[in-house]
Amino acid sequence: MNTMEFSRLRHTHPLPGFFEEYLGAKKTVVSGGARYSVCPACGASSNDSVKVSVRGEKWRCFSCDKKGDVVDAAALYWGKSLREAALDLVGQVAPIVKPAKTESPSELPVKRNQEAINKMIELLLDCKKIVSDGVIDYLASRSIQKSITLDAANRGLLIGLSTDPDKCLRFLLDVVGRDLLVEAGVWKKDSRAPGVIYRPLIFVSGDRGGAEFRRISATEQKSPKAIRYGEPSPFFWCGSANTMIVEGAIDMLSAVALGSDRSIVGLAGASNWSVEDKWVQWLGKRGHVLIALDADNAGNDQAKKMADYLFSHQCAFRRHILPEGIKDLNEMLQFVSRNDHP
């Protein structure tokens, strides 16, 4: 598609319509634009709080900092290149506009079905002990030992599908079925295959209400490394009475690989927590809390907010300070591994 056609798409497919029709997002009207609770890249926010700003033909997520126009949003959400996403938008029967109210259920927008997501996760977890060599090798390349990967699978925290997209697709069809994948929002009805077949590493949230499909190989496509389905609740590794709070499942496994015996909470993004979350309120009833969020602006900001909350509730805690130049626990793990094995 040429530049002029991309420009036309922005006018015929308004951003609010895309967010409301395809992402099922709720609109909050603000001065000069709108805000939504769902990001095409990193998924839904907790407690339906707003996380994406839309102004004119542009959007930006406050959580993952992804931004762009309607083509960028479609490419990230569908896991496709910009050109493929644009062609899919052009192929729609009509421009994406918010429809007038209608009593016909068949014309209502299709939203992700949490019940279907829960069922999909349940079926996949029945095969949790199956972890492909490709997924094991990928995590090993990030200094996470095979024994920890298999332990995570046995705990129901990790699922490792085949790294061959065709085999992965056949497995999903056999175990989950196309209808349920469509109902869960994983497979778009008009697509030949779901984008998750290129993301064989699956992390399951502690409440089993959310799953994160991660890409483990390099690609030239401008697509997100991970796609989340369901609620953005944390990942949990059950350990001692003391707790460590990190960002993401990779850092959760990295903490175990670094020798921590704590119970580990892996947030689905630094800001995906609330003082009203049950697990946060549960922190005050346990032992010492170690805050080990990423050493970036978002991580530092949320670590301070978390520390303020713990202090106000008289909880024992401290902030884990990473060495200069190290961004997160996985980088720390890889640094330690390189120095232990020259």
Protein backbone atom coordinates (compact mmCIF):
# COMPACT_ATOMS: atom_id res chain seq x y z
CA MET A 1 0.00 0.00 0.00
CA ASN A 2 1.26 3.50 -0.67
CA THR A 3 1.31 6.50 1.68
CA MET A 4 -1.88 7.95 0.25
CA GLU A 5 -3.78 4.71 0.92
CA PHE A 6 -2.49 4.64 4.51
CA SER A 7 -3.73 8.19 4.90
CA ARG A 8 -7.13 7.20 3.55
CA LEU A 9 -7.34 4.34 6.01
CA ARG A 10 -6.90 6.74 8.91
CA HIS A 11 -9.99 8.66 7.77
CA THR A 12 -12.19 5.69 6.82
CA HIS A 13 -11.27 3.68 9.93
CA PRO A 14 -11.36 6.07 12.92
CA LEU A 15 -9.36 5.04 15.97
CA PRO A 16 -12.29 5.16 18.44
CA GLY A 17 -14.16 2.70 16.26
CA PHE A 18 -11.21 0.31 16.19
CA PHE A 19 -10.79 0.40 19.97
CA GLU A 20 -14.50 -0.10 20.60
CA GLU A 21 -15.27 -2.62 17.84
CA TYR A 22 -12.21 -4.85 17.88
CA LEU A 23 -10.81 -4.44 21.38
CA GLY A 24 -14.18 -4.11 23.09
CA ALA A 25 -12.77 -1.15 25.02
CA LYS A 26 -14.79 1.26 27.11
CA LYS A 27 -14.44 4.93 26.17
CA THR A 28 -13.84 7.65 28.74
CA VAL A 29 -14.30 11.10 27.24
CA VAL A 30 -11.62 13.64 28.16
CA SER A 31 -10.84 17.13 26.92
CA GLY A 32 -9.51 16.93 23.38
CA GLY A 33 -9.91 13.18 22.98
CA ALA A 34 -10.76 9.87 24.64
CA ARG A 35 -9.18 7.21 26.82
CA TYR A 36 -9.59 3.44 26.83
CA SER A 37 -8.91 0.56 29.20
CA VAL A 38 -7.36 -1.75 26.57
CA CYS A 39 -4.11 -1.43 24.62
CA PRO A 40 -3.65 -3.28 21.28
CA ALA A 41 -0.11 -4.19 22.39
CA CYS A 42 -0.21 -5.02 26.11
CA GLY A 43 -3.88 -5.81 26.69
CA ALA A 44 -6.37 -4.68 29.31
CA SER A 45 -5.60 -2.66 32.41
CA SER A 46 -6.55 -3.75 35.89
CA ASN A 47 -9.86 -2.67 37.36
CA ASP A 48 -10.91 -1.14 34.01
CA SER A 49 -8.66 1.88 34.62
CA VAL A 50 -7.76 3.95 31.57
CA LYS A 51 -4.35 3.36 30.01
CA VAL A 52 -4.60 4.51 26.37
CA SER A 53 -5.04 8.06 25.14
CA VAL A 54 -6.59 8.75 21.72
CA ARG A 55 -6.32 12.20 20.21
CA GLY A 56 -7.27 12.71 16.59
CA GLU A 57 -5.67 9.95 14.50
CA LYS A 58 -3.04 9.00 17.10
CA TRP A 59 -3.04 6.81 20.22
CA ARG A 60 -0.53 6.14 22.99
CA CYS A 61 -0.44 3.63 25.85
CA PHE A 62 0.71 4.95 29.23
CA SER A 63 1.70 1.44 30.33
CA CYS A 64 3.87 0.00 27.52
CA ASP A 65 4.49 3.34 25.74
CA LYS A 66 3.47 1.92 22.35
CA LYS A 67 1.82 4.48 20.06
CA GLY A 68 0.75 5.16 16.48
CA ASP A 69 -2.30 5.35 14.24
CA VAL A 70 -5.07 2.87 13.40
CA VAL A 71 -2.74 0.79 11.18
CA ASP A 72 -0.18 0.51 13.98
CA ALA A 73 -2.94 -0.50 16.39
CA ALA A 74 -4.25 -3.18 14.01
CA ALA A 75 -0.74 -4.55 13.35
CA LEU A 76 0.01 -4.85 17.07
CA TYR A 77 -3.37 -6.34 17.96
CA TRP A 78 -3.40 -8.88 15.11
CA GLY A 79 0.33 -9.64 15.30
CA LYS A 80 0.89 -8.72 11.65
CA SER A 81 3.09 -6.41 9.62
CA LEU A 82 1.86 -2.89 8.87
CA ARG A 83 1.14 -3.81 5.27
CA GLU A 84 -0.78 -6.97 6.21
CA ALA A 85 -2.80 -5.10 8.82
CA ALA A 86 -3.59 -2.31 6.34
CA LEU A 87 -4.75 -4.82 3.74
CA ASP A 88 -6.96 -6.51 6.34
CA LEU A 89 -8.49 -3.15 7.21
CA VAL A 90 -9.12 -2.40 3.54
CA GLY A 91 -10.76 -5.80 3.22
CA GLN A 92 -13.40 -5.00 5.81
CA VAL A 93 -16.94 -4.88 4.44
CA ALA A 94 -17.35 -1.35 5.77
CA PRO A 95 -15.18 1.24 7.50
CA ILE A 96 -14.80 0.79 11.24
CA VAL A 97 -17.28 3.24 12.68
CA LYS A 98 -19.31 3.02 15.81
CA PRO A 99 -22.67 1.57 14.75
CA ALA A 100 -26.00 3.07 15.63
CA LYS A 101 -27.85 1.29 18.43
CA THR A 102 -29.58 -1.82 17.15
CA GLU A 103 -31.64 -4.58 18.67
CA SER A 104 -30.08 -7.21 16.46
CA PRO A 105 -27.54 -9.25 18.51
CA SER A 106 -25.76 -10.37 15.33
CA GLU A 107 -24.65 -6.81 14.64
CA LEU A 108 -23.12 -6.18 18.05
CA PRO A 109 -19.30 -6.11 18.26
CA VAL A 110 -17.61 -9.37 19.22
CA LYS A 111 -15.65 -9.02 22.46
CA ARG A 112 -13.16 -11.33 24.11
CA ASN A 113 -15.01 -13.86 26.20
CA GLN A 114 -13.39 -14.36 29.63
CA GLU A 115 -15.22 -17.65 30.15
CA ALA A 116 -13.82 -18.93 26.85
CA ILE A 117 -10.33 -17.73 27.84
CA ASN A 118 -10.61 -19.61 31.13
CA LYS A 119 -11.64 -22.79 29.29
CA MET A 120 -8.79 -22.42 26.78
CA ILE A 121 -6.26 -22.06 29.62
CA GLU A 122 -7.73 -25.07 31.39
CA LEU A 123 -7.38 -27.25 28.27
CA LEU A 124 -3.81 -26.10 27.67
CA LEU A 125 -2.85 -26.74 31.30
CA ASP A 126 -3.98 -30.34 30.91
CA CYS A 127 -0.89 -30.62 28.67
CA LYS A 128 1.34 -28.55 30.97
CA LYS A 129 4.03 -31.22 31.26
CA ILE A 130 4.70 -30.98 27.53
CA VAL A 131 7.45 -28.40 27.01
CA SER A 132 9.10 -28.19 23.60
CA ASP A 133 12.88 -28.28 23.28
CA GLY A 134 12.69 -24.91 21.51
CA VAL A 135 11.12 -23.23 24.54
CA ILE A 136 13.57 -24.93 26.92
CA ASP A 137 16.49 -23.79 24.75
CA TYR A 138 15.15 -20.23 24.56
CA LEU A 139 14.87 -19.90 28.33
CA ALA A 140 18.30 -21.52 28.71
CA SER A 141 19.66 -18.80 26.40
CA ARG A 142 18.42 -16.38 29.04
CA SER A 143 20.23 -18.39 31.75
CA ILE A 144 17.08 -20.08 33.11
CA GLN A 145 17.91 -23.74 33.72
CA LYS A 146 15.87 -26.57 32.21
CA SER A 147 14.98 -27.84 35.70
CA ILE A 148 13.34 -24.50 36.56
CA THR A 149 11.46 -24.43 33.25
CA LEU A 150 10.09 -27.94 33.85
CA ASP A 151 9.24 -27.07 37.47
CA ALA A 152 7.30 -24.02 36.24
CA ALA A 153 5.41 -26.24 33.79
CA ASN A 154 4.55 -28.73 36.53
CA ARG A 155 3.29 -25.86 38.68
CA GLY A 156 0.97 -24.77 35.86
CA LEU A 157 2.81 -21.50 35.33
CA LEU A 158 4.30 -22.23 31.92
CA ILE A 159 3.26 -24.02 28.75
CA GLY A 160 5.77 -24.61 25.96
CA LEU A 161 4.25 -25.34 22.54
CA SER A 162 6.09 -26.38 19.40
CA THR A 163 8.26 -23.71 17.79
CA ASP A 164 7.11 -24.99 14.38
CA PRO A 165 4.05 -22.82 13.54
CA ASP A 166 2.32 -25.63 11.60
CA LYS A 167 2.75 -28.12 14.45
CA CYS A 168 1.70 -25.47 16.95
CA LEU A 169 -1.48 -24.77 14.96
CA ARG A 170 -2.35 -28.49 14.74
CA PHE A 171 -1.83 -28.83 18.49
CA LEU A 172 -4.11 -25.88 19.25
CA LEU A 173 -6.78 -27.25 16.92
CA ASP A 174 -6.58 -30.71 18.52
CA VAL A 175 -6.50 -29.54 22.14
CA VAL A 176 -8.55 -26.32 22.13
CA GLY A 177 -10.42 -26.28 18.83
CA ARG A 178 -11.00 -23.43 16.40
CA ASP A 179 -14.42 -22.42 17.77
CA LEU A 180 -13.12 -21.89 21.30
CA LEU A 181 -10.02 -20.04 20.03
CA VAL A 182 -12.32 -17.69 18.10
CA GLU A 183 -14.62 -17.26 21.07
CA ALA A 184 -11.64 -16.43 23.30
CA GLY A 185 -10.50 -13.76 20.84
CA VAL A 186 -7.29 -15.62 20.00
CA TRP A 187 -8.28 -16.39 16.42
CA LYS A 188 -9.92 -13.73 14.27
CA LYS A 189 -12.75 -15.26 12.24
CA ASP A 190 -11.41 -14.01 8.91
CA SER A 191 -7.77 -15.03 9.53
CA ARG A 192 -6.14 -18.16 8.15
CA ALA A 193 -4.43 -18.86 11.47
CA PRO A 194 -4.06 -17.22 14.90
CA GLY A 195 -0.99 -15.05 15.45
CA VAL A 196 -0.18 -16.99 18.63
CA ILE A 197 1.28 -19.87 16.62
CA TYR A 198 4.39 -17.68 16.37
CA ARG A 199 4.39 -17.24 20.17
CA PRO A 200 4.86 -20.75 21.62
CA LEU A 201 5.92 -19.73 25.15
CA ILE A 202 2.82 -19.28 27.32
CA PHE A 203 2.85 -17.95 30.87
CA VAL A 204 -0.32 -18.46 32.93
CA SER A 205 -1.41 -15.99 35.61
CA GLY A 206 -1.73 -17.11 39.21
CA ASP A 207 -5.52 -17.06 39.12
CA ARG A 208 -5.50 -18.87 35.74
CA GLY A 209 -7.64 -16.09 34.30
CA GLY A 210 -4.97 -14.78 31.92
CA ALA A 211 -2.34 -16.12 29.54
CA GLU A 212 0.62 -14.39 27.90
CA PHE A 213 1.80 -15.82 24.57
CA ARG A 214 5.44 -14.83 23.93
CA ARG A 215 7.50 -14.79 20.75
CA ILE A 216 10.91 -16.44 21.22
CA SER A 217 12.50 -15.89 17.83
CA ALA A 218 13.52 -12.77 15.95
CA THR A 219 11.15 -11.41 13.32
CA GLU A 220 11.16 -8.54 10.86
CA GLN A 221 7.50 -7.90 11.52
CA LYS A 222 6.62 -4.91 13.65
CA SER A 223 4.66 -6.93 16.17
CA PRO A 224 4.57 -7.21 19.96
CA LYS A 225 6.83 -9.72 21.68
CA ALA A 226 3.92 -10.89 23.81
CA ILE A 227 0.12 -10.92 23.50
CA ARG A 228 -2.01 -11.24 26.62
CA TYR A 229 -5.51 -12.70 26.82
CA GLY A 230 -7.73 -12.36 29.85
CA GLU A 231 -7.15 -10.36 33.01
CA PRO A 232 -3.65 -8.84 33.51
CA SER A 233 -3.32 -10.46 36.94
CA PRO A 234 0.14 -11.38 38.26
CA PHE A 235 2.13 -14.57 37.84
CA PHE A 236 2.84 -16.36 41.14
CA TRP A 237 5.66 -18.66 42.23
CA CYS A 238 4.85 -20.18 45.61
CA GLY A 239 7.79 -20.23 48.03
CA SER A 240 8.52 -19.10 51.59
CA ALA A 241 6.55 -16.63 53.70
CA ASN A 242 8.76 -13.80 52.42
CA THR A 243 7.81 -12.22 49.09
CA MET A 244 9.58 -10.70 46.08
CA ILE A 245 7.77 -8.48 43.57
CA VAL A 246 9.17 -8.38 40.02
CA GLU A 247 8.00 -7.45 36.51
CA GLY A 248 6.87 -10.31 34.32
CA ALA A 249 7.24 -14.07 34.28
CA ILE A 250 10.79 -14.08 32.88
CA ASP A 251 12.01 -12.07 35.88
CA MET A 252 10.00 -14.37 38.15
CA LEU A 253 11.90 -17.41 36.84
CA SER A 254 15.14 -15.42 36.94
CA ALA A 255 14.65 -14.76 40.65
CA VAL A 256 14.31 -18.51 41.21
CA ALA A 257 17.42 -19.15 39.12
CA LEU A 258 19.32 -16.58 41.21
CA GLY A 259 18.55 -18.68 44.28
CA SER A 260 15.57 -16.91 45.87
CA ASP A 261 13.35 -19.12 48.01
CA ARG A 262 10.71 -16.38 48.37
CA SER A 263 7.19 -16.43 47.01
CA ILE A 264 7.47 -14.36 43.84
CA VAL A 265 4.86 -12.09 42.31
CA GLY A 266 5.45 -11.28 38.62
CA LEU A 267 3.44 -8.21 37.64
CA ALA A 268 2.04 -8.04 34.10
CA GLY A 269 3.65 -4.60 33.76
CA ALA A 270 4.94 -2.26 36.48
CA SER A 271 1.65 -0.37 36.82
CA ASN A 272 -0.64 -3.40 36.74
CA TRP A 273 -1.41 -3.47 40.44
CA SER A 274 -3.73 -1.69 42.83
CA VAL A 275 -3.84 -1.28 46.60
CA GLU A 276 -7.26 -2.93 46.39
CA ASP A 277 -5.90 -6.12 44.79
CA LYS A 278 -6.29 -9.08 47.13
CA TRP A 279 -2.67 -10.16 46.76
CA VAL A 280 -1.46 -6.66 47.74
CA GLN A 281 -3.59 -6.68 50.89
CA TRP A 282 -2.29 -10.18 51.58
CA LEU A 283 1.31 -8.87 51.65
CA GLY A 284 0.80 -7.26 55.04
CA LYS A 285 -0.06 -10.63 56.56
CA ARG A 286 3.18 -12.29 55.47
CA GLY A 287 6.89 -11.79 56.07
CA HIS A 288 9.43 -9.46 54.48
CA VAL A 289 8.73 -7.94 51.05
CA LEU A 290 11.51 -7.32 48.52
CA ILE A 291 10.56 -4.89 45.71
CA ALA A 292 12.59 -5.82 42.62
CA LEU A 293 10.94 -3.93 39.77
CA ASP A 294 12.86 -2.86 36.66
CA ALA A 295 15.41 -0.07 36.90
CA ASP A 296 13.55 2.26 34.52
CA ASN A 297 11.21 5.20 34.98
CA ALA A 298 8.06 3.06 35.23
CA GLY A 299 9.70 0.58 37.60
CA ASN A 300 11.16 3.28 39.85
CA ASP A 301 7.87 5.18 39.98
CA GLN A 302 5.81 2.10 40.86
CA ALA A 303 8.43 0.86 43.36
CA LYS A 304 8.07 4.16 45.25
CA LYS A 305 4.28 3.88 45.27
CA MET A 306 4.51 0.29 46.46
CA ALA A 307 7.00 1.26 49.18
CA ASP A 308 4.70 4.06 50.36
CA TYR A 309 1.82 1.60 50.63
CA LEU A 310 3.86 -1.00 52.53
CA PHE A 311 5.25 1.66 54.88
CA SER A 312 1.76 2.96 55.62
CA HIS A 313 0.68 -0.59 56.51
CA GLN A 314 3.73 -1.21 58.70
CA CYS A 315 5.04 -4.00 56.46
CA ALA A 316 8.71 -5.00 56.53
CA PHE A 317 10.21 -4.28 53.10
CA ARG A 318 13.17 -2.99 51.12
CA ARG A 319 13.91 -2.04 47.51
CA HIS A 320 16.31 -4.28 45.61
CA ILE A 321 18.82 -2.02 43.85
CA LEU A 322 20.26 -3.47 40.65
CA PRO A 323 23.91 -2.77 39.68
CA GLU A 324 24.45 0.20 37.36
CA GLY A 325 23.74 -0.71 33.74
CA ILE A 326 21.50 -3.68 34.67
CA LYS A 327 17.84 -3.13 33.81
CA ASP A 328 16.08 -6.14 35.35
CA LEU A 329 16.55 -9.47 37.13
CA ASN A 330 17.03 -11.44 33.92
CA GLU A 331 19.88 -9.15 32.87
CA MET A 332 21.29 -9.66 36.36
CA LEU A 333 20.99 -13.43 36.00
CA GLN A 334 22.74 -13.40 32.64
CA PHE A 335 25.51 -11.19 34.03
CA VAL A 336 26.03 -13.59 36.96
CA SER A 337 25.96 -16.63 34.66
CA ARG A 338 28.59 -15.15 32.34
CA ASN A 339 30.90 -14.41 35.23
CA ASP A 340 30.39 -17.82 36.84
CA HIS A 341 31.06 -19.60 33.53
CA PRO A 342 33.71 -17.63 31.59
